[in-house]
PDB file of N, CA and C in Angstrom:
ATOM      1  N   MET A   1      41.846  12.302 153.183  1.00  0.00           N
ATOM      2  CA  MET A   1      40.467  11.372 152.678  1.00  0.00           C
ATOM      3  C   MET A   1      40.048  10.824 153.837  1.00  0.00           C
ATOM      4  N   THR A   2      38.761  11.070 154.185  1.00  0.00           N
ATOM      5  CA  THR A   2      38.068   9.837 155.181  1.00  0.00           C
ATOM      6  C   THR A   2      37.496   8.201 154.278  1.00  0.00           C
ATOM      7  N   ARG A   3      38.169   7.698 155.291  1.00  0.00           N
ATOM      8  CA  ARG A   3      38.452   5.933 154.796  1.00  0.00           C
ATOM      9  C   ARG A   3      37.092   5.458 155.635  1.00  0.00           C
ATOM     10  N   TYR A   4      36.418   4.624 155.247  1.00  0.00           N
ATOM     11  CA  TYR A   4      35.167   3.958 155.574  1.00  0.00           C
ATOM     12  C   TYR A   4      35.334   2.098 155.356  1.00  0.00           C
ATOM     13  N   LEU A   5      35.140   1.818 156.635  1.00  0.00           N
ATOM     14  CA  LEU A   5      35.272   0.066 156.082  1.00  0.00           C
ATOM     15  C   LEU A   5      33.587  -0.545 156.835  1.00  0.00           C
ATOM     16  N   TRP A   6      33.415  -1.693 156.708  1.00  0.00           N
ATOM     17  CA  TRP A   6      32.359  -2.200 157.169  1.00  0.00           C
ATOM     18  C   TRP A   6      32.469  -3.105 158.095  1.00  0.00           C
ATOM     19  N   ALA A   7      31.850  -3.568 159.200  1.00  0.00           N
ATOM     20  CA  ALA A   7      32.070  -4.422 160.720  1.00  0.00           C
ATOM     21  C   ALA A   7      30.817  -5.387 160.729  1.00  0.00           C
ATOM     22  N   PRO A   8      31.254  -6.623 160.255  1.00  0.00           N
ATOM     23  CA  PRO A   8      29.965  -7.406 160.876  1.00  0.00           C
ATOM     24  C   PRO A   8      29.147  -7.333 161.975  1.00  0.00           C
ATOM     25  N   ALA A   9      27.973  -7.380 161.750  1.00  0.00           N
ATOM     26  CA  ALA A   9      26.792  -6.845 162.875  1.00  0.00           C
ATOM     27  C   ALA A   9      25.898  -7.379 163.226  1.00  0.00           C
ATOM     28  N   LYS A  10      25.388  -7.724 164.396  1.00  0.00           N
ATOM     29  CA  LYS A  10      24.082  -8.055 164.434  1.00  0.00           C
ATOM     30  C   LYS A  10      23.195  -6.952 164.285  1.00  0.00           C
ATOM     31  N   ILE A  11      22.018  -7.243 163.808  1.00  0.00           N
ATOM     32  CA  ILE A  11      20.996  -5.771 163.484  1.00  0.00           C
ATOM     33  C   ILE A  11      19.783  -5.689 164.079  1.00  0.00           C
ATOM     34  N   GLU A  12      19.112  -5.027 164.697  1.00  0.00           N
ATOM     35  CA  GLU A  12      17.706  -4.742 165.040  1.00  0.00           C
ATOM     36  C   GLU A  12      16.965  -3.353 165.092  1.00  0.00           C
ATOM     37  N   ASN A  13      15.706  -3.335 165.130  1.00  0.00           N
ATOM     38  CA  ASN A  13      15.057  -2.079 164.966  1.00  0.00           C
ATOM     39  C   ASN A  13      15.321  -1.552 166.349  1.00  0.00           C
ATOM     40  N   SER A  14      15.062  -0.550 166.399  1.00  0.00           N
ATOM     41  CA  SER A  14      14.774   0.570 167.692  1.00  0.00           C
ATOM     42  C   SER A  14      13.818   1.342 167.879  1.00  0.00           C
ATOM     43  N   GLY A  15      13.823   2.401 168.040  1.00  0.00           N
ATOM     44  CA  GLY A  15      12.312   2.813 168.642  1.00  0.00           C
ATOM     45  C   GLY A  15      12.092   3.655 167.391  1.00  0.00           C
ATOM     46  N   PHE A  16      12.711   3.904 166.480  1.00  0.00           N
ATOM     47  CA  PHE A  16      12.925   4.908 165.648  1.00  0.00           C
ATOM     48  C   PHE A  16      12.593   4.161 164.145  1.00  0.00           C
ATOM     49  N   SER A  17      11.591   4.881 163.336  1.00  0.00           N
ATOM     50  CA  SER A  17      11.762   3.903 161.627  1.00  0.00           C
ATOM     51  C   SER A  17      12.952   4.209 161.153  1.00  0.00           C
ATOM     52  N   SER A  18      13.896   5.426 161.537  1.00  0.00           N
ATOM     53  CA  SER A  18      15.035   5.758 161.034  1.00  0.00           C
ATOM     54  C   SER A  18      16.339   5.346 161.484  1.00  0.00           C
ATOM     55  N   GLU A  19      16.518   4.578 162.798  1.00  0.00           N
ATOM     56  CA  GLU A  19      17.291   4.114 163.288  1.00  0.00           C
ATOM     57  C   GLU A  19      17.268   2.451 163.478  1.00  0.00           C
ATOM     58  N   ARG A  20      18.671   1.765 163.538  1.00  0.00           N
ATOM     59  CA  ARG A  20      19.116   0.648 163.849  1.00  0.00           C
ATOM     60  C   ARG A  20      19.396   0.420 165.225  1.00  0.00           C
ATOM     61  N   LYS A  21      19.835  -0.212 165.878  1.00  0.00           N
ATOM     62  CA  LYS A  21      20.499  -0.928 167.143  1.00  0.00           C
ATOM     63  C   LYS A  21      21.380  -2.067 166.193  1.00  0.00           C
ATOM     64  N   PHE A  22      22.750  -1.557 166.817  1.00  0.00           N
ATOM     65  CA  PHE A  22      23.629  -3.004 166.374  1.00  0.00           C
ATOM     66  C   PHE A  22      24.580  -3.514 167.425  1.00  0.00           C
ATOM     67  N   GLU A  23      25.040  -4.694 167.561  1.00  0.00           N
ATOM     68  CA  GLU A  23      25.687  -5.262 168.124  1.00  0.00           C
ATOM     69  C   GLU A  23      26.980  -5.893 167.477  1.00  0.00           C
ATOM     70  N   VAL A  24      28.348  -5.586 167.623  1.00  0.00           N
ATOM     71  CA  VAL A  24      29.426  -6.121 167.103  1.00  0.00           C
ATOM     72  C   VAL A  24      30.463  -6.941 167.980  1.00  0.00           C
ATOM     73  N   GLN A  25      30.579  -8.062 167.832  1.00  0.00           N
ATOM     74  CA  GLN A  25      31.464  -8.762 168.264  1.00  0.00           C
ATOM     75  C   GLN A  25      33.046  -8.425 167.968  1.00  0.00           C
ATOM     76  N   LEU A  26      33.688  -7.710 168.659  1.00  0.00           N
ATOM     77  CA  LEU A  26      35.300  -7.642 168.419  1.00  0.00           C
ATOM     78  C   LEU A  26      36.131  -9.044 168.731  1.00  0.00           C
ATOM     79  N   PRO A  27      37.201  -9.182 167.922  1.00  0.00           N
ATOM     80  CA  PRO A  27      38.110 -10.509 167.581  1.00  0.00           C
ATOM     81  C   PRO A  27      38.473 -10.617 169.290  1.00  0.00           C
ATOM     82  N   GLY A  28      38.767 -11.821 169.521  1.00  0.00           N
ATOM     83  CA  GLY A  28      39.843 -12.271 170.510  1.00  0.00           C
ATOM     84  C   GLY A  28      39.064 -11.607 172.084  1.00  0.00           C
ATOM     85  N   ASP A  29      39.384 -11.366 173.100  1.00  0.00           N
ATOM     86  CA  ASP A  29      39.032 -10.546 174.098  1.00  0.00           C
ATOM     87  C   ASP A  29      38.752  -9.059 174.102  1.00  0.00           C
ATOM     88  N   GLY A  30      38.189  -8.881 172.994  1.00  0.00           N
ATOM     89  CA  GLY A  30      37.868  -7.167 172.313  1.00  0.00           C
ATOM     90  C   GLY A  30      36.577  -7.127 172.700  1.00  0.00           C
ATOM     91  N   GLY A  31      35.822  -8.119 173.440  1.00  0.00           N
ATOM     92  CA  GLY A  31      34.217  -7.411 173.858  1.00  0.00           C
ATOM     93  C   GLY A  31      33.420  -7.377 172.773  1.00  0.00           C
ATOM     94  N   LYS A  32      32.599  -6.744 172.900  1.00  0.00           N
ATOM     95  CA  LYS A  32      31.579  -6.244 172.016  1.00  0.00           C
ATOM     96  C   LYS A  32      31.271  -4.696 172.107  1.00  0.00           C
ATOM     97  N   VAL A  33      30.623  -4.093 170.739  1.00  0.00           N
ATOM     98  CA  VAL A  33      30.279  -2.922 170.935  1.00  0.00           C
ATOM     99  C   VAL A  33      29.008  -3.198 170.534  1.00  0.00           C
ATOM    100  N   VAL A  34      27.975  -2.080 171.609  1.00  0.00           N
ATOM    101  CA  VAL A  34      26.541  -1.970 171.092  1.00  0.00           C
ATOM    102  C   VAL A  34      26.237  -0.458 171.211  1.00  0.00           C
ATOM    103  N   GLY A  35      25.231  -0.159 169.943  1.00  0.00           N
ATOM    104  CA  GLY A  35      24.869   1.240 169.476  1.00  0.00           C
ATOM    105  C   GLY A  35      23.723   1.624 168.996  1.00  0.00           C
ATOM    106  N   ALA A  36      23.646   2.473 168.428  1.00  0.00           N
ATOM    107  CA  ALA A  36      22.303   2.800 167.355  1.00  0.00           C
ATOM    108  C   ALA A  36      22.783   3.785 166.451  1.00  0.00           C
ATOM    109  N   ALA A  37      22.116   3.827 165.309  1.00  0.00           N
ATOM    110  CA  ALA A  37      22.724   4.807 163.984  1.00  0.00           C
ATOM    111  C   ALA A  37      21.497   4.919 163.614  1.00  0.00           C
ATOM    112  N   TYR A  38      21.503   5.776 162.166  1.00  0.00           N
ATOM    113  CA  TYR A  38      20.756   5.962 161.400  1.00  0.00           C
ATOM    114  C   TYR A  38      20.773   4.840 160.191  1.00  0.00           C
ATOM    115  N   ILE A  39      19.938   4.430 159.859  1.00  0.00           N
ATOM    116  CA  ILE A  39      19.859   3.116 158.744  1.00  0.00           C
ATOM    117  C   ILE A  39      20.670   3.476 157.322  1.00  0.00           C
ATOM    118  N   GLU A  40      20.836   4.641 157.273  1.00  0.00           N
ATOM    119  CA  GLU A  40      22.022   4.583 155.928  1.00  0.00           C
ATOM    120  C   GLU A  40      23.601   4.117 156.278  1.00  0.00           C
ATOM    121  N   HIS A  41      23.620   3.798 157.844  1.00  0.00           N
ATOM    122  CA  HIS A  41      25.157   3.349 158.376  1.00  0.00           C
ATOM    123  C   HIS A  41      24.994   1.942 157.923  1.00  0.00           C
ATOM    124  N   PHE A  42      24.208   1.227 157.507  1.00  0.00           N
ATOM    125  CA  PHE A  42      23.940  -0.116 157.500  1.00  0.00           C
ATOM    126  C   PHE A  42      24.031  -1.202 156.122  1.00  0.00           C
ATOM    127  N   LEU A  43      24.194  -2.117 155.833  1.00  0.00           N
ATOM    128  CA  LEU A  43      23.948  -3.228 154.991  1.00  0.00           C
ATOM    129  C   LEU A  43      23.864  -4.360 155.386  1.00  0.00           C
ATOM    130  N   ASP A  44      22.563  -4.947 154.613  1.00  0.00           N
ATOM    131  CA  ASP A  44      22.410  -6.251 155.039  1.00  0.00           C
ATOM    132  C   ASP A  44      23.378  -7.365 154.321  1.00  0.00           C
ATOM    133  N   GLN A  45      23.110  -8.864 154.388  1.00  0.00           N
ATOM    134  CA  GLN A  45      23.998  -9.502 153.984  1.00  0.00           C
ATOM    135  C   GLN A  45      24.731  -9.601 153.030  1.00  0.00           C
ATOM    136  N   ASN A  46      24.049  -9.180 151.763  1.00  0.00           N
ATOM    137  CA  ASN A  46      23.844  -9.227 150.811  1.00  0.00           C
ATOM    138  C   ASN A  46      24.797  -7.606 150.045  1.00  0.00           C
ATOM    139  N   ARG A  47      25.234  -6.869 151.342  1.00  0.00           N
ATOM    140  CA  ARG A  47      25.630  -5.549 150.955  1.00  0.00           C
ATOM    141  C   ARG A  47      24.670  -4.815 150.099  1.00  0.00           C
ATOM    142  N   GLU A  48      23.641  -4.873 150.561  1.00  0.00           N
ATOM    143  CA  GLU A  48      22.607  -3.816 150.212  1.00  0.00           C
ATOM    144  C   GLU A  48      22.150  -2.965 151.688  1.00  0.00           C
ATOM    145  N   PRO A  49      21.740  -1.540 150.736  1.00  0.00           N
ATOM    146  CA  PRO A  49      21.257  -0.865 152.043  1.00  0.00           C
ATOM    147  C   PRO A  49      19.939  -1.265 152.278  1.00  0.00           C
ATOM    148  N   LEU A  50      19.714  -1.133 153.889  1.00  0.00           N
ATOM    149  CA  LEU A  50      18.382  -1.819 154.480  1.00  0.00           C
ATOM    150  C   LEU A  50      17.384  -0.647 153.923  1.00  0.00           C
ATOM    151  N   SER A  51      16.215  -1.685 153.667  1.00  0.00           N
ATOM    152  CA  SER A  51      14.856  -0.464 153.452  1.00  0.00           C
ATOM    153  C   SER A  51      14.066  -0.465 154.658  1.00  0.00           C
ATOM    154  N   GLU A  52      13.483  -0.228 154.781  1.00  0.00           N
ATOM    155  CA  GLU A  52      12.046   0.439 155.755  1.00  0.00           C
ATOM    156  C   GLU A  52      11.818  -0.748 156.491  1.00  0.00           C
ATOM    157  N   GLY A  53      11.298  -1.224 157.786  1.00  0.00           N
ATOM    158  CA  GLY A  53      11.131  -2.340 158.243  1.00  0.00           C
ATOM    159  C   GLY A  53      11.586  -3.270 157.969  1.00  0.00           C
ATOM    160  N   ILE A  54      13.163  -3.381 157.862  1.00  0.00           N
ATOM    161  CA  ILE A  54      13.903  -4.476 157.550  1.00  0.00           C
ATOM    162  C   ILE A  54      14.970  -4.433 158.730  1.00  0.00           C
ATOM    163  N   PRO A  55      15.487  -5.193 159.898  1.00  0.00           N
ATOM    164  CA  PRO A  55      14.507  -6.284 159.999  1.00  0.00           C
ATOM    165  C   PRO A  55      12.943  -5.890 160.652  1.00  0.00           C
ATOM    166  N   PRO A  56      12.504  -7.305 160.508  1.00  0.00           N
ATOM    167  CA  PRO A  56      11.206  -7.104 161.086  1.00  0.00           C
ATOM    168  C   PRO A  56      11.134  -6.695 162.656  1.00  0.00           C
ATOM    169  N   TYR A  57      10.427  -6.030 163.153  1.00  0.00           N
ATOM    170  CA  TYR A  57      10.224  -5.341 164.659  1.00  0.00           C
ATOM    171  C   TYR A  57      10.662  -6.857 165.261  1.00  0.00           C
ATOM    172  N   GLY A  58      11.243  -6.829 166.253  1.00  0.00           N
ATOM    173  CA  GLY A  58      11.508  -7.928 167.242  1.00  0.00           C
ATOM    174  C   GLY A  58      12.605  -8.663 166.805  1.00  0.00           C
ATOM    175  N   GLN A  59      13.166  -9.049 165.323  1.00  0.00           N
ATOM    176  CA  GLN A  59      13.896  -9.746 164.929  1.00  0.00           C
ATOM    177  C   GLN A  59      15.308  -9.152 164.906  1.00  0.00           C
ATOM    178  N   THR A  60      16.054 -10.113 164.596  1.00  0.00           N
ATOM    179  CA  THR A  60      17.867  -9.693 164.608  1.00  0.00           C
ATOM    180  C   THR A  60      18.228 -10.368 163.821  1.00  0.00           C
ATOM    181  N   MET A  61      18.776  -9.742 162.577  1.00  0.00           N
ATOM    182  CA  MET A  61      19.320  -9.793 161.368  1.00  0.00           C
ATOM    183  C   MET A  61      21.357  -9.636 161.554  1.00  0.00           C
ATOM    184  N   ASN A  62      21.750 -10.745 160.618  1.00  0.00           N
ATOM    185  CA  ASN A  62      23.316 -10.193 160.513  1.00  0.00           C
ATOM    186  C   ASN A  62      23.241  -9.486 159.147  1.00  0.00           C
ATOM    187  N   GLY A  63      24.204  -8.265 159.603  1.00  0.00           N
ATOM    188  CA  GLY A  63      24.820  -7.409 158.169  1.00  0.00           C
ATOM    189  C   GLY A  63      25.919  -6.992 158.301  1.00  0.00           C
ATOM    190  N   PHE A  64      26.068  -5.403 158.164  1.00  0.00           N
ATOM    191  CA  PHE A  64      27.318  -4.913 158.248  1.00  0.00           C
ATOM    192  C   PHE A  64      27.051  -3.302 158.751  1.00  0.00           C
ATOM    193  N   VAL A  65      27.677  -3.008 159.511  1.00  0.00           N
ATOM    194  CA  VAL A  65      27.400  -1.455 160.000  1.00  0.00           C
ATOM    195  C   VAL A  65      28.738  -0.988 159.824  1.00  0.00           C
ATOM    196  N   LYS A  66      28.947   0.584 159.325  1.00  0.00           N
ATOM    197  CA  LYS A  66      29.778   1.260 158.786  1.00  0.00           C
ATOM    198  C   LYS A  66      30.613   2.081 159.733  1.00  0.00           C
ATOM    199  N   VAL A  67      32.263   1.763 160.061  1.00  0.00           N
ATOM    200  CA  VAL A  67      32.952   2.668 160.818  1.00  0.00           C
ATOM    201  C   VAL A  67      33.956   3.245 159.948  1.00  0.00           C
ATOM    202  N   ARG A  68      34.096   4.213 160.534  1.00  0.00           N
ATOM    203  CA  ARG A  68      35.178   5.424 159.876  1.00  0.00           C
ATOM    204  C   ARG A  68      36.729   4.957 160.688  1.00  0.00           C
ATOM    205  N   VAL A  69      37.492   4.984 159.555  1.00  0.00           N
ATOM    206  CA  VAL A  69      39.206   4.740 159.990  1.00  0.00           C
ATOM    207  C   VAL A  69      39.459   6.002 160.667  1.00  0.00           C
ATOM    208  N   LEU A  70      39.889   6.213 161.778  1.00  0.00           N
ATOM    209  CA  LEU A  70      40.424   7.192 162.141  1.00  0.00           C
ATOM    210  C   LEU A  70      42.270   7.279 162.285  1.00  0.00           C
ATOM    211  N   ARG A  71      42.912   6.176 161.914  1.00  0.00           N
ATOM    212  CA  ARG A  71      44.221   5.353 161.801  1.00  0.00           C
ATOM    213  C   ARG A  71      44.481   4.417 162.033  1.00  0.00           C
ATOM    214  N   LYS A  72      45.912   4.009 161.456  1.00  0.00           N
ATOM    215  CA  LYS A  72      46.354   2.736 161.548  1.00  0.00           C
ATOM    216  C   LYS A  72      47.620   2.668 161.925  1.00  0.00           C
ATOM    217  N   GLN A  73      47.576   1.659 162.945  1.00  0.00           N
ATOM    218  CA  GLN A  73      49.359   1.329 163.676  1.00  0.00           C
ATOM    219  C   GLN A  73      49.416  -0.367 163.052  1.00  0.00           C
ATOM    220  N   GLY A  74      50.297  -0.761 162.261  1.00  0.00           N
ATOM    221  CA  GLY A  74      50.423  -1.733 162.368  1.00  0.00           C
ATOM    222  C   GLY A  74      49.046  -2.562 161.604  1.00  0.00           C
ATOM    223  N   ASP A  75      49.261  -3.765 161.783  1.00  0.00           N
ATOM    224  CA  ASP A  75      47.440  -4.266 161.622  1.00  0.00           C
ATOM    225  C   ASP A  75      47.068  -4.385 162.237  1.00  0.00           C
ATOM    226  N   THR A  76      46.618  -3.247 163.252  1.00  0.00           N
ATOM    227  CA  THR A  76      45.560  -2.578 164.240  1.00  0.00           C
ATOM    228  C   THR A  76      44.689  -1.033 163.251  1.00  0.00           C
ATOM    229  N   LEU A  77      43.706  -1.097 163.304  1.00  0.00           N
ATOM    230  CA  LEU A  77      43.132   0.235 163.288  1.00  0.00           C
ATOM    231  C   LEU A  77      41.854   0.506 164.251  1.00  0.00           C
ATOM    232  N   PHE A  78      42.430   2.077 164.111  1.00  0.00           N
ATOM    233  CA  PHE A  78      41.560   2.819 165.030  1.00  0.00           C
ATOM    234  C   PHE A  78      40.116   2.929 164.706  1.00  0.00           C
ATOM    235  N   VAL A  79      38.762   2.759 164.840  1.00  0.00           N
ATOM    236  CA  VAL A  79      37.836   3.241 164.212  1.00  0.00           C
ATOM    237  C   VAL A  79      36.748   3.455 165.392  1.00  0.00           C
ATOM    238  N   GLU A  80      35.966   4.692 164.336  1.00  0.00           N
ATOM    239  CA  GLU A  80      34.729   5.078 165.164  1.00  0.00           C
ATOM    240  C   GLU A  80      33.658   4.456 164.967  1.00  0.00           C
ATOM    241  N   PHE A  81      32.466   3.697 165.654  1.00  0.00           N
ATOM    242  CA  PHE A  81      31.425   3.012 165.274  1.00  0.00           C
ATOM    243  C   PHE A  81      30.335   4.275 165.367  1.00  0.00           C
ATOM    244  N   PRO A  82      29.121   4.428 164.795  1.00  0.00           N
ATOM    245  CA  PRO A  82      28.417   5.426 164.486  1.00  0.00           C
ATOM    246  C   PRO A  82      27.991   5.230 166.273  1.00  0.00           C
ATOM    247  N   GLY A  83      28.018   6.663 166.880  1.00  0.00           N
ATOM    248  CA  GLY A  83      27.577   7.018 168.156  1.00  0.00           C
ATOM    249  C   GLY A  83      28.169   6.230 169.060  1.00  0.00           C
ATOM    250  N   THR A  84      29.330   6.069 169.090  1.00  0.00           N
ATOM    251  CA  THR A  84      30.489   5.122 170.090  1.00  0.00           C
ATOM    252  C   THR A  84      31.470   5.988 170.376  1.00  0.00           C
ATOM    253  N   ASP A  85      32.387   5.230 171.127  1.00  0.00           N
ATOM    254  CA  ASP A  85      33.471   5.633 170.808  1.00  0.00           C
ATOM    255  C   ASP A  85      34.758   4.966 170.089  1.00  0.00           C
ATOM    256  N   VAL A  86      35.788   5.344 170.287  1.00  0.00           N
ATOM    257  CA  VAL A  86      36.848   4.675 169.357  1.00  0.00           C
ATOM    258  C   VAL A  86      37.562   3.321 169.710  1.00  0.00           C
ATOM    259  N   PHE A  87      37.418   2.568 169.296  1.00  0.00           N
ATOM    260  CA  PHE A  87      38.116   1.169 169.164  1.00  0.00           C
ATOM    261  C   PHE A  87      39.011   0.973 168.633  1.00  0.00           C
ATOM    262  N   HIS A  88      40.507  -0.326 168.602  1.00  0.00           N
ATOM    263  CA  HIS A  88      41.305  -0.590 168.269  1.00  0.00           C
ATOM    264  C   HIS A  88      40.757  -2.223 167.865  1.00  0.00           C
ATOM    265  N   VAL A  89      40.893  -2.530 166.549  1.00  0.00           N
ATOM    266  CA  VAL A  89      40.714  -3.556 165.840  1.00  0.00           C
ATOM    267  C   VAL A  89      41.476  -4.359 164.975  1.00  0.00           C
ATOM    268  N   PRO A  90      41.623  -5.564 164.678  1.00  0.00           N
ATOM    269  CA  PRO A  90      42.480  -6.142 163.562  1.00  0.00           C
ATOM    270  C   PRO A  90      41.952  -5.710 162.192  1.00  0.00           C
ATOM    271  N   HIS A  91      42.833  -5.077 161.112  1.00  0.00           N
ATOM    272  CA  HIS A  91      41.947  -5.072 160.119  1.00  0.00           C
ATOM    273  C   HIS A  91      41.623  -6.014 159.722  1.00  0.00           C
ATOM    274  N   GLU A  92      42.064  -7.354 159.717  1.00  0.00           N
ATOM    275  CA  GLU A  92      41.164  -8.460 159.067  1.00  0.00           C
ATOM    276  C   GLU A  92      39.724  -8.641 159.611  1.00  0.00           C
ATOM    277  N   ALA A  93      39.529  -7.637 160.818  1.00  0.00           N
ATOM    278  CA  ALA A  93      38.200  -8.062 161.236  1.00  0.00           C
ATOM    279  C   ALA A  93      37.138  -7.116 160.714  1.00  0.00           C
ATOM    280  N   LEU A  94      37.328  -6.234 159.682  1.00  0.00           N
ATOM    281  CA  LEU A  94      36.573  -5.319 158.915  1.00  0.00           C
ATOM    282  C   LEU A  94      36.766  -5.516 157.445  1.00  0.00           C
ATOM    283  N   GLU A  95      35.528  -5.251 156.596  1.00  0.00           N
ATOM    284  CA  GLU A  95      35.407  -5.810 155.411  1.00  0.00           C
ATOM    285  C   GLU A  95      36.298  -4.563 154.917  1.00  0.00           C
ATOM    286  N   ASP A  96      36.750  -4.751 153.558  1.00  0.00           N
ATOM    287  CA  ASP A  96      37.482  -3.356 152.909  1.00  0.00           C
ATOM    288  C   ASP A  96      36.385  -2.657 152.133  1.00  0.00           C
ATOM    289  N   SER A  97      36.498  -1.354 152.141  1.00  0.00           N
ATOM    290  CA  SER A  97      35.080  -0.538 151.582  1.00  0.00           C
ATOM    291  C   SER A  97      34.518  -1.470 150.104  1.00  0.00           C
ATOM    292  N   TRP A  98      33.446  -1.096 150.146  1.00  0.00           N
ATOM    293  CA  TRP A  98      33.180  -1.202 148.919  1.00  0.00           C
ATOM    294  C   TRP A  98      32.169  -0.052 148.261  1.00  0.00           C
ATOM    295  N   THR A  99      31.701   0.245 147.191  1.00  0.00           N
ATOM    296  CA  THR A  99      30.704   1.202 146.812  1.00  0.00           C
ATOM    297  C   THR A  99      29.226   0.839 147.173  1.00  0.00           C
ATOM    298  N   LYS A 100      29.060   1.668 148.282  1.00  0.00           N
ATOM    299  CA  LYS A 100      27.290   1.576 148.361  1.00  0.00           C
ATOM    300  C   LYS A 100      27.086   3.009 148.881  1.00  0.00           C
TER     301      LYS A 100
END
């Protein structure tokens, strides 16, 4: 069974109305993940799906991006961000799944 978690992210519009760009700061010296994905991969700070035009063009907002858990090794999860490579992150850096 595929498991998804949510990573805190900065979100902004991209060139397409159905897509958003995201930036996730990884804990410690993990760097950051930058990518783009369809709008259904995002939630706002209240954990609600993003609607059309949110965030307004040229603005950035805090929210969450959905990540797919590939495997767990100790306290580390190997996750795939939409449209990017696989990263290993501490479990506590991600929000547990909730129904959305």
